[in-house]
Amino acid sequence: MRIHIATDHAGLDFSQHLQQHLRDNGHEVVDHGPTEYDALDDYPAFCINAAIAVARDQSAGVEALGVVFGGSGNGEQIAANKVRGIRAALVWNLSTAKLARDHNDANVISIGARQHSVDEAIAFIDAFIAEPFTAEERHVRRIAQLAEFEETGTIEGKGVDALTERG
């Protein structure tokens, strides 16, 4: 599987260890940066580029997922979620890593490099990659609603319409 990786300065060293683990396990790893430590770097472009690559690969039928890192993982998750077709989940334990795929068919996870050890992050990533999407009707329906809103700004029949101001 192709795994797209991005980080910020807080996760740079962390990312290098995780990339090696993924390569050792037969995955093709694409590093979207940064390539050197800069305490003032801006993570959005790195994470958005990784998310764009995941979305493009998946659209082309390539089996791909993404992993983004930062100090907390919050900003990186937010950045990845700005890309159409991306469902990025912040994971902090094995359960959230598995549920991200199982229930939400997440295609990117975000991990806080200052919150977890490398061994914990490896376990989260391995669980995320190994967990299949259940494709249960309720989960498929909910993901379709998210995609509909992403495309149209509304969820038909649900009282959600971002194009209309509500008071």
Protein backbone atom coordinates (compact mmCIF):
# COMPACT_ATOMS: atom_id res chain seq x y z
CA MET A 1 0.00 0.00 0.00
CA ARG A 2 1.13 3.56 -0.64
CA ILE A 3 1.30 5.67 2.51
CA HIS A 4 1.57 9.45 2.24
CA ILE A 5 3.29 11.09 5.23
CA ALA A 6 3.53 14.73 6.32
CA THR A 7 4.50 16.46 9.52
CA ASP A 8 5.68 19.69 11.05
CA HIS A 9 8.90 20.36 12.95
CA ALA A 10 7.51 18.73 16.11
CA GLY A 11 7.00 15.42 14.34
CA LEU A 12 10.01 15.36 12.01
CA ASP A 13 12.19 12.89 13.93
CA PHE A 14 9.11 10.88 14.83
CA SER A 15 8.12 10.71 11.17
CA GLN A 16 11.52 9.34 10.11
CA HIS A 17 11.18 6.36 12.48
CA LEU A 18 7.64 5.66 11.35
CA GLN A 19 8.52 5.88 7.66
CA GLN A 20 11.24 3.29 8.15
CA HIS A 21 8.79 1.00 9.96
CA LEU A 22 6.33 1.30 7.09
CA ARG A 23 8.99 0.59 4.46
CA ASP A 24 10.22 -2.40 6.47
CA ASN A 25 6.65 -3.72 6.33
CA GLY A 26 6.47 -3.48 2.55
CA HIS A 27 4.65 -0.18 2.14
CA GLU A 28 5.59 2.46 -0.40
CA VAL A 29 6.11 5.67 1.59
CA VAL A 30 5.83 9.12 0.04
CA ASP A 31 7.19 11.88 2.27
CA HIS A 32 5.54 15.26 1.73
CA GLY A 33 7.84 17.10 4.10
CA PRO A 34 9.40 18.82 5.67
CA THR A 35 12.84 17.46 4.90
CA GLU A 36 14.74 19.44 7.52
CA TYR A 37 14.04 20.88 10.94
CA ASP A 38 12.66 24.43 11.02
CA ALA A 39 11.00 25.47 14.27
CA LEU A 40 9.00 28.09 12.35
CA ASP A 41 7.72 25.85 9.56
CA ASP A 42 4.08 25.88 8.56
CA TYR A 43 2.44 22.44 8.55
CA PRO A 44 -0.68 23.20 6.44
CA ALA A 45 1.03 22.89 3.03
CA PHE A 46 2.79 19.63 3.98
CA CYS A 47 -0.40 18.03 5.30
CA ILE A 48 -2.60 19.35 2.50
CA ASN A 49 -0.15 18.01 -0.10
CA ALA A 50 -0.21 14.57 1.55
CA ALA A 51 -4.02 14.63 1.64
CA ILE A 52 -4.25 15.71 -2.01
CA ALA A 53 -1.97 12.81 -2.94
CA VAL A 54 -4.17 10.34 -1.01
CA ALA A 55 -7.31 11.67 -2.71
CA ARG A 56 -5.67 11.52 -6.16
CA ASP A 57 -4.35 8.02 -5.63
CA GLN A 58 -7.68 6.74 -4.39
CA SER A 59 -9.48 8.37 -7.33
CA ALA A 60 -7.05 6.59 -9.65
CA GLY A 61 -7.70 3.23 -7.97
CA VAL A 62 -4.38 3.15 -6.12
CA GLU A 63 -4.58 1.69 -2.62
CA ALA A 64 -3.36 4.60 -0.49
CA LEU A 65 -3.74 6.11 2.97
CA GLY A 66 -2.16 9.05 4.75
CA VAL A 67 -0.59 9.77 8.11
CA VAL A 68 0.09 13.30 9.34
CA PHE A 69 1.92 14.30 12.51
CA GLY A 70 2.36 17.39 14.61
CA GLY A 71 2.80 18.30 18.24
CA SER A 72 -0.82 17.50 19.07
CA GLY A 73 -2.05 16.31 15.67
CA ASN A 74 -5.00 18.69 15.81
CA GLY A 75 -3.87 21.27 13.27
CA GLU A 76 -2.61 18.60 10.92
CA GLN A 77 -5.97 16.83 11.00
CA ILE A 78 -7.76 20.10 10.31
CA ALA A 79 -5.45 20.83 7.36
CA ALA A 80 -5.94 17.37 5.83
CA ASN A 81 -9.71 17.64 6.20
CA LYS A 82 -9.73 20.74 3.97
CA VAL A 83 -9.09 18.49 0.96
CA ARG A 84 -12.17 17.22 -0.89
CA GLY A 85 -12.57 13.49 -0.41
CA ILE A 86 -10.44 13.28 2.71
CA ARG A 87 -11.75 11.96 6.00
CA ALA A 88 -8.94 12.57 8.48
CA ALA A 89 -9.25 11.33 12.06
CA LEU A 90 -7.20 12.28 15.10
CA VAL A 91 -6.17 9.05 16.80
CA TRP A 92 -4.91 8.68 20.35
CA ASN A 93 -5.31 4.97 21.07
CA LEU A 94 -5.82 1.66 19.29
CA SER A 95 -9.58 1.93 19.49
CA THR A 96 -9.75 5.31 17.74
CA ALA A 97 -7.29 4.08 15.10
CA LYS A 98 -9.47 1.07 14.31
CA LEU A 99 -12.76 2.96 14.48
CA ALA A 100 -11.43 5.61 12.12
CA ARG A 101 -11.39 2.93 9.39
CA ASP A 102 -14.13 0.61 10.66
CA HIS A 103 -16.90 3.21 11.04
CA ASN A 104 -15.68 6.28 9.14
CA ASP A 105 -13.61 4.83 6.30
CA ALA A 106 -10.98 7.44 7.21
CA ASN A 107 -8.24 7.70 4.65
CA VAL A 108 -5.88 9.84 6.73
CA ILE A 109 -4.99 9.72 10.42
CA SER A 110 -3.32 12.36 12.50
CA ILE A 111 -1.14 11.62 15.50
CA GLY A 112 0.34 13.95 18.11
CA ALA A 113 4.09 13.37 18.16
CA ARG A 114 4.39 15.07 21.54
CA GLN A 115 1.57 12.97 22.93
CA HIS A 116 2.78 9.46 22.11
CA SER A 117 5.87 7.32 21.92
CA VAL A 118 7.10 6.00 18.58
CA ASP A 119 6.00 2.50 19.61
CA GLU A 120 2.46 3.73 20.35
CA ALA A 121 2.28 5.56 17.02
CA ILE A 122 3.48 2.46 15.17
CA ALA A 123 0.73 0.43 16.84
CA PHE A 124 -1.89 3.05 15.88
CA ILE A 125 -0.72 3.17 12.27
CA ASP A 126 -0.53 -0.61 11.92
CA ALA A 127 -4.05 -0.96 13.37
CA PHE A 128 -5.37 1.77 11.05
CA ILE A 129 -3.86 0.16 7.95
CA ALA A 130 -5.05 -3.34 8.88
CA GLU A 131 -8.63 -2.42 9.80
CA PRO A 132 -11.12 -2.70 6.94
CA PHE A 133 -14.16 -0.48 6.50
CA THR A 134 -17.27 -2.41 7.58
CA ALA A 135 -19.42 -0.97 4.79
CA GLU A 136 -22.45 -1.27 7.06
CA GLU A 137 -25.37 0.69 5.61
CA ARG A 138 -25.48 3.24 8.44
CA HIS A 139 -21.79 4.07 8.01
CA VAL A 140 -22.05 4.22 4.21
CA ARG A 141 -25.08 6.53 4.57
CA ARG A 142 -23.28 8.89 6.94
CA ILE A 143 -20.15 9.07 4.80
CA ALA A 144 -22.37 9.82 1.78
CA GLN A 145 -23.94 12.70 3.73
CA LEU A 146 -20.49 14.13 4.46
CA ALA A 147 -19.55 13.84 0.78
CA GLU A 148 -22.85 15.45 -0.25
CA PHE A 149 -22.22 18.41 2.05
CA GLU A 150 -18.65 18.70 0.83
CA GLU A 151 -19.88 18.86 -2.79
CA THR A 152 -23.08 20.88 -2.45
CA GLY A 153 -23.09 22.66 0.92
CA THR A 154 -26.24 20.83 1.91
CA ILE A 155 -27.49 17.46 3.14
CA GLU A 156 -30.81 16.83 1.42
CA GLY A 157 -33.68 16.31 3.85
CA LYS A 158 -31.55 16.87 6.95
CA GLY A 159 -32.06 20.61 7.48
CA VAL A 160 -28.44 21.41 6.69
CA ASP A 161 -27.77 24.13 4.15
CA ALA A 162 -24.58 26.17 4.40
CA LEU A 163 -25.64 28.26 1.44
CA THR A 164 -28.53 29.75 3.39
CA GLU A 165 -27.92 31.94 6.39
CA ARG A 166 -29.77 30.69 9.46
CA GLY A 167 -30.65 32.86 12.39
